[in-house]
N, C-alpha and C. Protein backbone atom coordinates (compact mmCIF):
# COMPACT_ATOMS: atom_id res chain seq x y z
N MET A 1 -12.69 -10.65 10.27
CA MET A 1 -12.74 -9.67 9.21
C MET A 1 -11.50 -9.85 8.33
N LEU A 2 -11.69 -9.89 7.02
CA LEU A 2 -10.58 -10.00 6.08
C LEU A 2 -10.06 -8.62 5.73
N ASN A 3 -8.74 -8.50 5.70
CA ASN A 3 -8.10 -7.24 5.32
C ASN A 3 -7.21 -7.49 4.12
N PHE A 4 -7.30 -6.62 3.13
CA PHE A 4 -6.43 -6.71 1.96
C PHE A 4 -5.19 -5.87 2.22
N ASN A 5 -4.03 -6.48 2.06
CA ASN A 5 -2.75 -5.83 2.34
C ASN A 5 -2.16 -5.19 1.09
N ILE A 6 -3.00 -4.59 0.27
CA ILE A 6 -2.57 -4.04 -1.00
C ILE A 6 -1.54 -2.93 -0.81
N GLU A 7 -1.82 -2.02 0.09
CA GLU A 7 -0.90 -0.90 0.29
C GLU A 7 0.44 -1.39 0.84
N LYS A 8 0.42 -2.38 1.71
CA LYS A 8 1.65 -2.94 2.26
C LYS A 8 2.46 -3.62 1.15
N LEU A 9 1.78 -4.37 0.27
CA LEU A 9 2.46 -5.03 -0.84
C LEU A 9 3.05 -4.02 -1.81
N LEU A 10 2.30 -2.97 -2.09
CA LEU A 10 2.81 -1.93 -2.99
C LEU A 10 4.06 -1.27 -2.42
N LYS A 11 4.03 -0.99 -1.14
CA LYS A 11 5.19 -0.37 -0.50
C LYS A 11 6.40 -1.31 -0.56
N LYS A 12 6.17 -2.59 -0.29
CA LYS A 12 7.23 -3.59 -0.34
C LYS A 12 7.86 -3.67 -1.73
N LYS A 13 7.02 -3.53 -2.76
CA LYS A 13 7.49 -3.62 -4.15
C LYS A 13 7.89 -2.26 -4.72
N LYS A 14 7.81 -1.22 -3.86
CA LYS A 14 8.15 0.15 -4.28
C LYS A 14 7.31 0.59 -5.48
N LYS A 15 6.03 0.30 -5.41
CA LYS A 15 5.08 0.69 -6.45
C LYS A 15 4.01 1.58 -5.81
N SER A 16 3.36 2.36 -6.64
CA SER A 16 2.32 3.27 -6.14
C SER A 16 0.92 2.74 -6.46
N LYS A 17 -0.06 3.31 -5.78
CA LYS A 17 -1.44 2.99 -6.09
C LYS A 17 -1.75 3.43 -7.52
N TYR A 18 -1.16 4.55 -7.93
CA TYR A 18 -1.35 5.03 -9.30
C TYR A 18 -0.85 3.98 -10.30
N TRP A 19 0.33 3.40 -10.04
CA TRP A 19 0.89 2.37 -10.90
C TRP A 19 -0.07 1.19 -11.02
N LEU A 20 -0.61 0.74 -9.88
CA LEU A 20 -1.53 -0.39 -9.88
C LEU A 20 -2.80 -0.06 -10.65
N CYS A 21 -3.33 1.13 -10.44
CA CYS A 21 -4.54 1.54 -11.17
C CYS A 21 -4.31 1.53 -12.68
N GLN A 22 -3.15 2.04 -13.09
CA GLN A 22 -2.83 2.07 -14.52
C GLN A 22 -2.73 0.65 -15.09
N ASN A 23 -2.08 -0.25 -14.36
CA ASN A 23 -1.91 -1.62 -14.84
C ASN A 23 -3.20 -2.42 -14.81
N MET A 24 -4.05 -2.14 -13.85
CA MET A 24 -5.33 -2.86 -13.76
C MET A 24 -6.41 -2.17 -14.58
N ASN A 25 -6.08 -0.99 -15.11
CA ASN A 25 -7.04 -0.20 -15.88
C ASN A 25 -8.31 0.10 -15.07
N ILE A 26 -8.09 0.57 -13.84
CA ILE A 26 -9.20 0.96 -12.98
C ILE A 26 -8.93 2.35 -12.42
N THR A 27 -9.96 2.96 -11.87
CA THR A 27 -9.81 4.28 -11.26
C THR A 27 -9.30 4.15 -9.82
N ASN A 28 -8.75 5.23 -9.32
CA ASN A 28 -8.30 5.26 -7.93
C ASN A 28 -9.46 4.98 -6.98
N ARG A 29 -10.63 5.49 -7.32
CA ARG A 29 -11.83 5.26 -6.49
C ARG A 29 -12.13 3.76 -6.40
N ASN A 30 -12.04 3.06 -7.52
CA ASN A 30 -12.31 1.62 -7.51
C ASN A 30 -11.24 0.86 -6.74
N LEU A 31 -9.98 1.29 -6.85
CA LEU A 31 -8.92 0.65 -6.08
C LEU A 31 -9.18 0.84 -4.58
N ASN A 32 -9.59 2.02 -4.19
CA ASN A 32 -9.91 2.25 -2.78
C ASN A 32 -11.07 1.39 -2.32
N ARG A 33 -12.03 1.14 -3.19
CA ARG A 33 -13.14 0.23 -2.85
C ARG A 33 -12.62 -1.19 -2.61
N ILE A 34 -11.65 -1.61 -3.42
CA ILE A 34 -11.04 -2.93 -3.24
C ILE A 34 -10.33 -2.98 -1.90
N ILE A 35 -9.51 -1.97 -1.63
CA ILE A 35 -8.75 -1.91 -0.39
C ILE A 35 -9.67 -1.93 0.83
N ASN A 36 -10.80 -1.26 0.73
CA ASN A 36 -11.75 -1.18 1.84
C ASN A 36 -12.75 -2.32 1.88
N GLY A 37 -12.60 -3.31 0.98
CA GLY A 37 -13.49 -4.47 0.97
C GLY A 37 -14.89 -4.16 0.49
N GLU A 38 -15.04 -3.18 -0.38
CA GLU A 38 -16.36 -2.76 -0.85
C GLU A 38 -16.67 -3.27 -2.26
N THR A 39 -15.95 -4.30 -2.72
CA THR A 39 -16.19 -4.85 -4.06
C THR A 39 -16.06 -6.37 -3.99
N THR A 40 -16.53 -7.06 -5.03
CA THR A 40 -16.50 -8.52 -5.01
C THR A 40 -15.67 -9.14 -6.12
N SER A 41 -15.32 -8.39 -7.15
CA SER A 41 -14.57 -8.94 -8.28
C SER A 41 -13.21 -8.26 -8.36
N ILE A 42 -12.14 -9.05 -8.15
CA ILE A 42 -10.81 -8.48 -8.05
C ILE A 42 -9.79 -9.35 -8.80
N SER A 43 -8.86 -8.72 -9.53
CA SER A 43 -7.75 -9.40 -10.18
C SER A 43 -6.45 -8.80 -9.65
N PHE A 44 -5.63 -9.63 -9.02
CA PHE A 44 -4.41 -9.14 -8.39
C PHE A 44 -3.14 -9.64 -9.09
N LYS A 45 -3.21 -9.99 -10.35
CA LYS A 45 -2.06 -10.57 -11.02
C LYS A 45 -0.86 -9.62 -11.07
N TYR A 46 -1.07 -8.32 -11.01
CA TYR A 46 0.03 -7.37 -11.08
C TYR A 46 0.80 -7.26 -9.77
N LEU A 47 0.24 -7.73 -8.68
CA LEU A 47 0.93 -7.66 -7.40
C LEU A 47 1.90 -8.82 -7.23
N ASP A 48 1.76 -9.87 -8.04
CA ASP A 48 2.67 -11.01 -7.99
C ASP A 48 2.90 -11.47 -6.55
N CYS A 49 1.83 -11.91 -5.91
CA CYS A 49 1.92 -12.33 -4.50
C CYS A 49 1.06 -13.56 -4.28
N ASN A 50 1.26 -14.19 -3.13
CA ASN A 50 0.40 -15.33 -2.80
C ASN A 50 -0.73 -14.84 -1.89
N LEU A 51 -1.69 -15.70 -1.67
CA LEU A 51 -2.88 -15.32 -0.91
C LEU A 51 -2.56 -14.88 0.51
N SER A 52 -1.59 -15.54 1.14
CA SER A 52 -1.26 -15.18 2.52
C SER A 52 -0.62 -13.80 2.61
N GLU A 53 0.01 -13.33 1.55
CA GLU A 53 0.56 -11.97 1.53
C GLU A 53 -0.54 -10.94 1.30
N LEU A 54 -1.54 -11.33 0.53
CA LEU A 54 -2.60 -10.41 0.14
C LEU A 54 -3.64 -10.19 1.22
N ILE A 55 -4.00 -11.24 1.94
CA ILE A 55 -5.12 -11.16 2.88
C ILE A 55 -4.65 -11.50 4.29
N SER A 56 -5.11 -10.73 5.24
CA SER A 56 -4.89 -11.07 6.64
C SER A 56 -6.24 -11.09 7.34
N ILE A 57 -6.32 -11.84 8.41
CA ILE A 57 -7.57 -11.97 9.15
C ILE A 57 -7.43 -11.27 10.49
N ASP A 58 -8.37 -10.37 10.76
CA ASP A 58 -8.40 -9.65 12.02
C ASP A 58 -9.38 -10.38 12.93
N ASN A 59 -8.87 -10.97 13.99
CA ASN A 59 -9.71 -11.74 14.92
C ASN A 59 -10.27 -10.88 16.04
N ASP A 60 -10.32 -9.59 15.85
CA ASP A 60 -10.85 -8.69 16.87
C ASP A 60 -12.36 -8.90 16.99
N THR A 61 -12.79 -9.47 18.09
CA THR A 61 -14.21 -9.78 18.28
C THR A 61 -15.04 -8.53 18.57
N LYS A 62 -14.41 -7.39 18.78
CA LYS A 62 -15.14 -6.15 19.03
C LYS A 62 -15.94 -5.73 17.81
N ASN A 63 -15.49 -6.15 16.61
CA ASN A 63 -16.16 -5.75 15.37
C ASN A 63 -17.38 -6.62 15.06
N ILE A 64 -17.60 -7.66 15.81
CA ILE A 64 -18.72 -8.57 15.55
C ILE A 64 -19.95 -8.07 16.30
N SER A 65 -21.07 -7.95 15.57
CA SER A 65 -22.29 -7.50 16.25
C SER A 65 -23.17 -8.65 16.63
């Protein structure tokens, strides 16, 4: 399972979800959909990070059906 580390990156950069929403011109609801993996089109240029910082893989086999 892929996990987006958006909240961790924001905390590291001392930025808020509100700040990111304003810069990406999206609603808080849409940002939460991104964080929860419920969307397919994402632009992360405002986080200024590499892919390994943004995404982590959870190898917990309990989540596999």
